[in-house]
Amino acid sequence: MALIEVKVPDIGDFKDVAIIELLVKVGDTIKAEQSLITVESDKASMEIPSSHAGVIKELKVKLGDTV
């Protein structure tokens, strides 16, 4: 099984947004389009979905990180 790195998509005029919620953990089985994290800017919060289905092998971010 290939490893796929899921990246935060372009969300507009924001350079760095804070991660305020982790919605998955290592070992979770996820579906394509399932929300992985919630990020928050000074104007809004939004959930970031997965681009692929699979099993979470590693989380490279933690609560409070900026992406």
PDB file of N, CA and C in Angstrom:
ATOM      1  N   MET A   1       0.848  -1.188   0.000  1.00  0.00           N
ATOM      2  CA  MET A   1       0.000   0.000   0.000  1.00  0.00           C
ATOM      3  C   MET A   1       0.891   1.249   0.000  1.00  0.00           C
ATOM      4  N   ALA A   2       0.624   2.167  -0.876  1.00  0.00           N
ATOM      5  CA  ALA A   2       1.415   3.391  -1.008  1.00  0.00           C
ATOM      6  C   ALA A   2       1.045   4.393   0.072  1.00  0.00           C
ATOM      7  N   LEU A   3       2.026   5.146   0.522  1.00  0.00           N
ATOM      8  CA  LEU A   3       1.773   6.234   1.462  1.00  0.00           C
ATOM      9  C   LEU A   3       1.436   7.484   0.669  1.00  0.00           C
ATOM     10  N   ILE A   4       0.395   8.185   1.078  1.00  0.00           N
ATOM     11  CA  ILE A   4      -0.030   9.414   0.418  1.00  0.00           C
ATOM     12  C   ILE A   4      -0.042  10.517   1.454  1.00  0.00           C
ATOM     13  N   GLU A   5       0.676  11.594   1.189  1.00  0.00           N
ATOM     14  CA  GLU A   5       0.704  12.730   2.098  1.00  0.00           C
ATOM     15  C   GLU A   5      -0.433  13.669   1.723  1.00  0.00           C
ATOM     16  N   VAL A   6      -1.307  13.951   2.687  1.00  0.00           N
ATOM     17  CA  VAL A   6      -2.437  14.850   2.451  1.00  0.00           C
ATOM     18  C   VAL A   6      -2.011  16.243   2.873  1.00  0.00           C
ATOM     19  N   LYS A   7      -2.132  17.196   1.962  1.00  0.00           N
ATOM     20  CA  LYS A   7      -1.730  18.575   2.234  1.00  0.00           C
ATOM     21  C   LYS A   7      -2.959  19.472   2.358  1.00  0.00           C
ATOM     22  N   VAL A   8      -2.801  20.539   3.132  1.00  0.00           N
ATOM     23  CA  VAL A   8      -3.883  21.512   3.283  1.00  0.00           C
ATOM     24  C   VAL A   8      -4.053  22.236   1.960  1.00  0.00           C
ATOM     25  N   PRO A   9      -5.287  22.276   1.439  1.00  0.00           N
ATOM     26  CA  PRO A   9      -5.516  22.975   0.165  1.00  0.00           C
ATOM     27  C   PRO A   9      -5.418  24.488   0.328  1.00  0.00           C
ATOM     28  N   ASP A  10      -5.294  25.182  -0.778  1.00  0.00           N
ATOM     29  CA  ASP A  10      -5.296  26.646  -0.763  1.00  0.00           C
ATOM     30  C   ASP A  10      -6.651  27.117  -0.262  1.00  0.00           C
ATOM     31  N   ILE A  11      -6.642  27.878   0.829  1.00  0.00           N
ATOM     32  CA  ILE A  11      -7.918  28.341   1.395  1.00  0.00           C
ATOM     33  C   ILE A  11      -8.098  29.853   1.255  1.00  0.00           C
ATOM     34  N   GLY A  12      -7.411  30.407   0.289  1.00  0.00           N
ATOM     35  CA  GLY A  12      -7.635  31.821  -0.004  1.00  0.00           C
ATOM     36  C   GLY A  12      -6.487  32.698   0.453  1.00  0.00           C
ATOM     37  N   ASP A  13      -6.825  33.854   1.023  1.00  0.00           N
ATOM     38  CA  ASP A  13      -5.844  34.888   1.354  1.00  0.00           C
ATOM     39  C   ASP A  13      -5.079  34.638   2.652  1.00  0.00           C
ATOM     40  N   PHE A  14      -5.206  33.471   3.239  1.00  0.00           N
ATOM     41  CA  PHE A  14      -4.577  33.211   4.525  1.00  0.00           C
ATOM     42  C   PHE A  14      -3.285  32.442   4.337  1.00  0.00           C
ATOM     43  N   LYS A  15      -2.188  32.961   4.928  1.00  0.00           N
ATOM     44  CA  LYS A  15      -0.896  32.297   4.802  1.00  0.00           C
ATOM     45  C   LYS A  15      -0.760  31.198   5.854  1.00  0.00           C
ATOM     46  N   ASP A  16      -1.059  31.494   7.092  1.00  0.00           N
ATOM     47  CA  ASP A  16      -0.956  30.530   8.182  1.00  0.00           C
ATOM     48  C   ASP A  16      -2.254  30.511   8.969  1.00  0.00           C
ATOM     49  N   VAL A  17      -2.781  29.313   9.183  1.00  0.00           N
ATOM     50  CA  VAL A  17      -3.982  29.146   9.996  1.00  0.00           C
ATOM     51  C   VAL A  17      -3.683  28.115  11.082  1.00  0.00           C
ATOM     52  N   ALA A  18      -4.292  28.283  12.241  1.00  0.00           N
ATOM     53  CA  ALA A  18      -4.035  27.403  13.378  1.00  0.00           C
ATOM     54  C   ALA A  18      -4.914  26.160  13.332  1.00  0.00           C
ATOM     55  N   ILE A  19      -4.348  25.041  13.733  1.00  0.00           N
ATOM     56  CA  ILE A  19      -5.122  23.805  13.877  1.00  0.00           C
ATOM     57  C   ILE A  19      -5.785  23.847  15.241  1.00  0.00           C
ATOM     58  N   ILE A  20      -7.113  23.829  15.250  1.00  0.00           N
ATOM     59  CA  ILE A  20      -7.839  23.910  16.513  1.00  0.00           C
ATOM     60  C   ILE A  20      -8.485  22.587  16.912  1.00  0.00           C
ATOM     61  N   GLU A  21      -8.483  21.616  15.981  1.00  0.00           N
ATOM     62  CA  GLU A  21      -9.077  20.320  16.291  1.00  0.00           C
ATOM     63  C   GLU A  21      -8.491  19.244  15.380  1.00  0.00           C
ATOM     64  N   LEU A  22      -8.123  18.108  15.986  1.00  0.00           N
ATOM     65  CA  LEU A  22      -7.700  16.934  15.229  1.00  0.00           C
ATOM     66  C   LEU A  22      -8.871  15.958  15.251  1.00  0.00           C
ATOM     67  N   LEU A  23      -9.365  15.582  14.092  1.00  0.00           N
ATOM     68  CA  LEU A  23     -10.569  14.757  13.996  1.00  0.00           C
ATOM     69  C   LEU A  23     -10.262  13.279  13.778  1.00  0.00           C
ATOM     70  N   VAL A  24      -8.993  12.935  13.601  1.00  0.00           N
ATOM     71  CA  VAL A  24      -8.573  11.543  13.397  1.00  0.00           C
ATOM     72  C   VAL A  24      -7.341  11.269  14.249  1.00  0.00           C
ATOM     73  N   LYS A  25      -7.017   9.983  14.410  1.00  0.00           N
ATOM     74  CA  LYS A  25      -5.794   9.596  15.104  1.00  0.00           C
ATOM     75  C   LYS A  25      -5.126   8.468  14.332  1.00  0.00           C
ATOM     76  N   VAL A  26      -3.875   8.184  14.653  1.00  0.00           N
ATOM     77  CA  VAL A  26      -3.135   7.117  13.994  1.00  0.00           C
ATOM     78  C   VAL A  26      -3.901   5.806  14.167  1.00  0.00           C
ATOM     79  N   GLY A  27      -4.045   5.077  13.064  1.00  0.00           N
ATOM     80  CA  GLY A  27      -4.754   3.807  13.073  1.00  0.00           C
ATOM     81  C   GLY A  27      -6.189   3.897  12.581  1.00  0.00           C
ATOM     82  N   ASP A  28      -6.739   5.115  12.518  1.00  0.00           N
ATOM     83  CA  ASP A  28      -8.113   5.290  12.028  1.00  0.00           C
ATOM     84  C   ASP A  28      -8.213   4.958  10.545  1.00  0.00           C
ATOM     85  N   THR A  29      -9.298   4.307  10.164  1.00  0.00           N
ATOM     86  CA  THR A  29      -9.621   4.093   8.752  1.00  0.00           C
ATOM     87  C   THR A  29     -10.512   5.242   8.319  1.00  0.00           C
ATOM     88  N   ILE A  30     -10.152   5.895   7.223  1.00  0.00           N
ATOM     89  CA  ILE A  30     -10.903   7.059   6.761  1.00  0.00           C
ATOM     90  C   ILE A  30     -11.388   6.859   5.338  1.00  0.00           C
ATOM     91  N   LYS A  31     -12.399   7.641   4.992  1.00  0.00           N
ATOM     92  CA  LYS A  31     -12.940   7.659   3.631  1.00  0.00           C
ATOM     93  C   LYS A  31     -12.461   8.925   2.934  1.00  0.00           C
ATOM     94  N   ALA A  32     -12.467   8.900   1.609  1.00  0.00           N
ATOM     95  CA  ALA A  32     -12.170  10.116   0.844  1.00  0.00           C
ATOM     96  C   ALA A  32     -13.198  11.172   1.223  1.00  0.00           C
ATOM     97  N   GLU A  33     -12.743  12.384   1.360  1.00  0.00           N
ATOM     98  CA  GLU A  33     -13.565  13.549   1.716  1.00  0.00           C
ATOM     99  C   GLU A  33     -13.949  13.602   3.201  1.00  0.00           C
ATOM    100  N   GLN A  34     -13.443  12.655   4.021  1.00  0.00           N
ATOM    101  CA  GLN A  34     -13.698  12.709   5.462  1.00  0.00           C
ATOM    102  C   GLN A  34     -12.832  13.809   6.061  1.00  0.00           C
ATOM    103  N   SER A  35     -13.387  14.580   6.987  1.00  0.00           N
ATOM    104  CA  SER A  35     -12.641  15.670   7.618  1.00  0.00           C
ATOM    105  C   SER A  35     -11.539  15.119   8.508  1.00  0.00           C
ATOM    106  N   LEU A  36     -10.351  15.743   8.408  1.00  0.00           N
ATOM    107  CA  LEU A  36      -9.179  15.310   9.168  1.00  0.00           C
ATOM    108  C   LEU A  36      -8.836  16.258  10.304  1.00  0.00           C
ATOM    109  N   ILE A  37      -8.859  17.555  10.013  1.00  0.00           N
ATOM    110  CA  ILE A  37      -8.526  18.579  11.002  1.00  0.00           C
ATOM    111  C   ILE A  37      -9.470  19.762  10.819  1.00  0.00           C
ATOM    112  N   THR A  38      -9.526  20.607  11.843  1.00  0.00           N
ATOM    113  CA  THR A  38     -10.235  21.877  11.747  1.00  0.00           C
ATOM    114  C   THR A  38      -9.210  22.983  11.929  1.00  0.00           C
ATOM    115  N   VAL A  39      -9.213  23.948  11.004  1.00  0.00           N
ATOM    116  CA  VAL A  39      -8.306  25.097  11.089  1.00  0.00           C
ATOM    117  C   VAL A  39      -9.132  26.355  11.305  1.00  0.00           C
ATOM    118  N   GLU A  40      -8.469  27.365  11.878  1.00  0.00           N
ATOM    119  CA  GLU A  40      -9.190  28.609  12.173  1.00  0.00           C
ATOM    120  C   GLU A  40      -8.320  29.805  11.820  1.00  0.00           C
ATOM    121  N   SER A  41      -8.928  30.735  11.087  1.00  0.00           N
ATOM    122  CA  SER A  41      -8.279  32.009  10.787  1.00  0.00           C
ATOM    123  C   SER A  41      -8.941  33.056  11.670  1.00  0.00           C
ATOM    124  N   ASP A  42      -8.567  34.307  11.456  1.00  0.00           N
ATOM    125  CA  ASP A  42      -9.213  35.372  12.229  1.00  0.00           C
ATOM    126  C   ASP A  42     -10.660  35.602  11.791  1.00  0.00           C
ATOM    127  N   LYS A  43     -11.068  35.028  10.664  1.00  0.00           N
ATOM    128  CA  LYS A  43     -12.413  35.249  10.148  1.00  0.00           C
ATOM    129  C   LYS A  43     -13.327  34.031  10.222  1.00  0.00           C
ATOM    130  N   ALA A  44     -12.774  32.819  10.156  1.00  0.00           N
ATOM    131  CA  ALA A  44     -13.636  31.630  10.104  1.00  0.00           C
ATOM    132  C   ALA A  44     -12.851  30.372  10.448  1.00  0.00           C
ATOM    133  N   SER A  45     -13.592  29.307  10.712  1.00  0.00           N
ATOM    134  CA  SER A  45     -12.952  27.998  10.873  1.00  0.00           C
ATOM    135  C   SER A  45     -13.482  27.085   9.768  1.00  0.00           C
ATOM    136  N   MET A  46     -12.664  26.103   9.390  1.00  0.00           N
ATOM    137  CA  MET A  46     -13.099  25.178   8.354  1.00  0.00           C
ATOM    138  C   MET A  46     -12.428  23.824   8.558  1.00  0.00           C
ATOM    139  N   GLU A  47     -13.143  22.783   8.184  1.00  0.00           N
ATOM    140  CA  GLU A  47     -12.608  21.431   8.261  1.00  0.00           C
ATOM    141  C   GLU A  47     -11.881  21.112   6.956  1.00  0.00           C
ATOM    142  N   ILE A  48     -10.744  20.435   7.086  1.00  0.00           N
ATOM    143  CA  ILE A  48      -9.948  20.048   5.930  1.00  0.00           C
ATOM    144  C   ILE A  48     -10.176  18.560   5.670  1.00  0.00           C
ATOM    145  N   PRO A  49     -10.682  18.209   4.476  1.00  0.00           N
ATOM    146  CA  PRO A  49     -10.970  16.805   4.171  1.00  0.00           C
ATOM    147  C   PRO A  49      -9.769  16.058   3.584  1.00  0.00           C
ATOM    148  N   SER A  50      -9.827  14.753   3.655  1.00  0.00           N
ATOM    149  CA  SER A  50      -8.811  13.903   3.042  1.00  0.00           C
ATOM    150  C   SER A  50      -9.081  13.798   1.547  1.00  0.00           C
ATOM    151  N   SER A  51      -8.021  13.733   0.780  1.00  0.00           N
ATOM    152  CA  SER A  51      -8.160  13.564  -0.670  1.00  0.00           C
ATOM    153  C   SER A  51      -8.268  12.081  -1.053  1.00  0.00           C
ATOM    154  N   HIS A  52      -7.967  11.184  -0.107  1.00  0.00           N
ATOM    155  CA  HIS A  52      -7.963   9.751  -0.380  1.00  0.00           C
ATOM    156  C   HIS A  52      -8.558   8.970   0.796  1.00  0.00           C
ATOM    157  N   ALA A  53      -8.970   7.748   0.535  1.00  0.00           N
ATOM    158  CA  ALA A  53      -9.395   6.830   1.593  1.00  0.00           C
ATOM    159  C   ALA A  53      -8.180   6.015   2.017  1.00  0.00           C
ATOM    160  N   GLY A  54      -8.193   5.501   3.250  1.00  0.00           N
ATOM    161  CA  GLY A  54      -7.091   4.667   3.704  1.00  0.00           C
ATOM    162  C   GLY A  54      -7.021   4.606   5.211  1.00  0.00           C
ATOM    163  N   VAL A  55      -5.847   4.315   5.723  1.00  0.00           N
ATOM    164  CA  VAL A  55      -5.595   4.212   7.159  1.00  0.00           C
ATOM    165  C   VAL A  55      -4.554   5.254   7.537  1.00  0.00           C
ATOM    166  N   ILE A  56      -4.806   5.998   8.610  1.00  0.00           N
ATOM    167  CA  ILE A  56      -3.865   7.004   9.091  1.00  0.00           C
ATOM    168  C   ILE A  56      -2.639   6.293   9.676  1.00  0.00           C
ATOM    169  N   LYS A  57      -1.469   6.516   9.084  1.00  0.00           N
ATOM    170  CA  LYS A  57      -0.223   5.907   9.540  1.00  0.00           C
ATOM    171  C   LYS A  57       0.584   6.858  10.417  1.00  0.00           C
ATOM    172  N   GLU A  58       0.456   8.185  10.163  1.00  0.00           N
ATOM    173  CA  GLU A  58       1.244   9.164  10.891  1.00  0.00           C
ATOM    174  C   GLU A  58       0.543  10.516  10.816  1.00  0.00           C
ATOM    175  N   LEU A  59       0.613  11.281  11.906  1.00  0.00           N
ATOM    176  CA  LEU A  59       0.137  12.660  11.902  1.00  0.00           C
ATOM    177  C   LEU A  59       1.363  13.554  12.030  1.00  0.00           C
ATOM    178  N   LYS A  60       1.544  14.446  11.095  1.00  0.00           N
ATOM    179  CA  LYS A  60       2.721  15.327  11.104  1.00  0.00           C
ATOM    180  C   LYS A  60       2.406  16.682  11.726  1.00  0.00           C
ATOM    181  N   VAL A  61       1.194  16.856  12.209  1.00  0.00           N
ATOM    182  CA  VAL A  61       0.789  18.093  12.854  1.00  0.00           C
ATOM    183  C   VAL A  61       0.202  17.764  14.220  1.00  0.00           C
ATOM    184  N   LYS A  62       0.140  18.805  15.066  1.00  0.00           N
ATOM    185  CA  LYS A  62      -0.502  18.626  16.367  1.00  0.00           C
ATOM    186  C   LYS A  62      -1.373  19.847  16.662  1.00  0.00           C
ATOM    187  N   LEU A  63      -2.206  19.721  17.651  1.00  0.00           N
ATOM    188  CA  LEU A  63      -3.103  20.804  18.039  1.00  0.00           C
ATOM    189  C   LEU A  63      -2.274  22.071  18.322  1.00  0.00           C
ATOM    190  N   GLY A  64      -2.697  23.185  17.742  1.00  0.00           N
ATOM    191  CA  GLY A  64      -1.998  24.458  17.934  1.00  0.00           C
ATOM    192  C   GLY A  64      -0.990  24.797  16.861  1.00  0.00           C
ATOM    193  N   ASP A  65      -0.569  23.821  16.048  1.00  0.00           N
ATOM    194  CA  ASP A  65       0.337  24.096  14.932  1.00  0.00           C
ATOM    195  C   ASP A  65      -0.330  25.029  13.933  1.00  0.00           C
ATOM    196  N   THR A  66       0.465  25.733  13.149  1.00  0.00           N
ATOM    197  CA  THR A  66      -0.070  26.521  12.043  1.00  0.00           C
ATOM    198  C   THR A  66       0.344  25.854  10.734  1.00  0.00           C
ATOM    199  N   VAL A  67      -0.566  25.886   9.783  1.00  0.00           N
ATOM    200  CA  VAL A  67      -0.322  25.290   8.463  1.00  0.00           C
ATOM    201  C   VAL A  67      -0.631  26.280   7.381  1.00  0.00           C
TER     202      VAL A  67
END
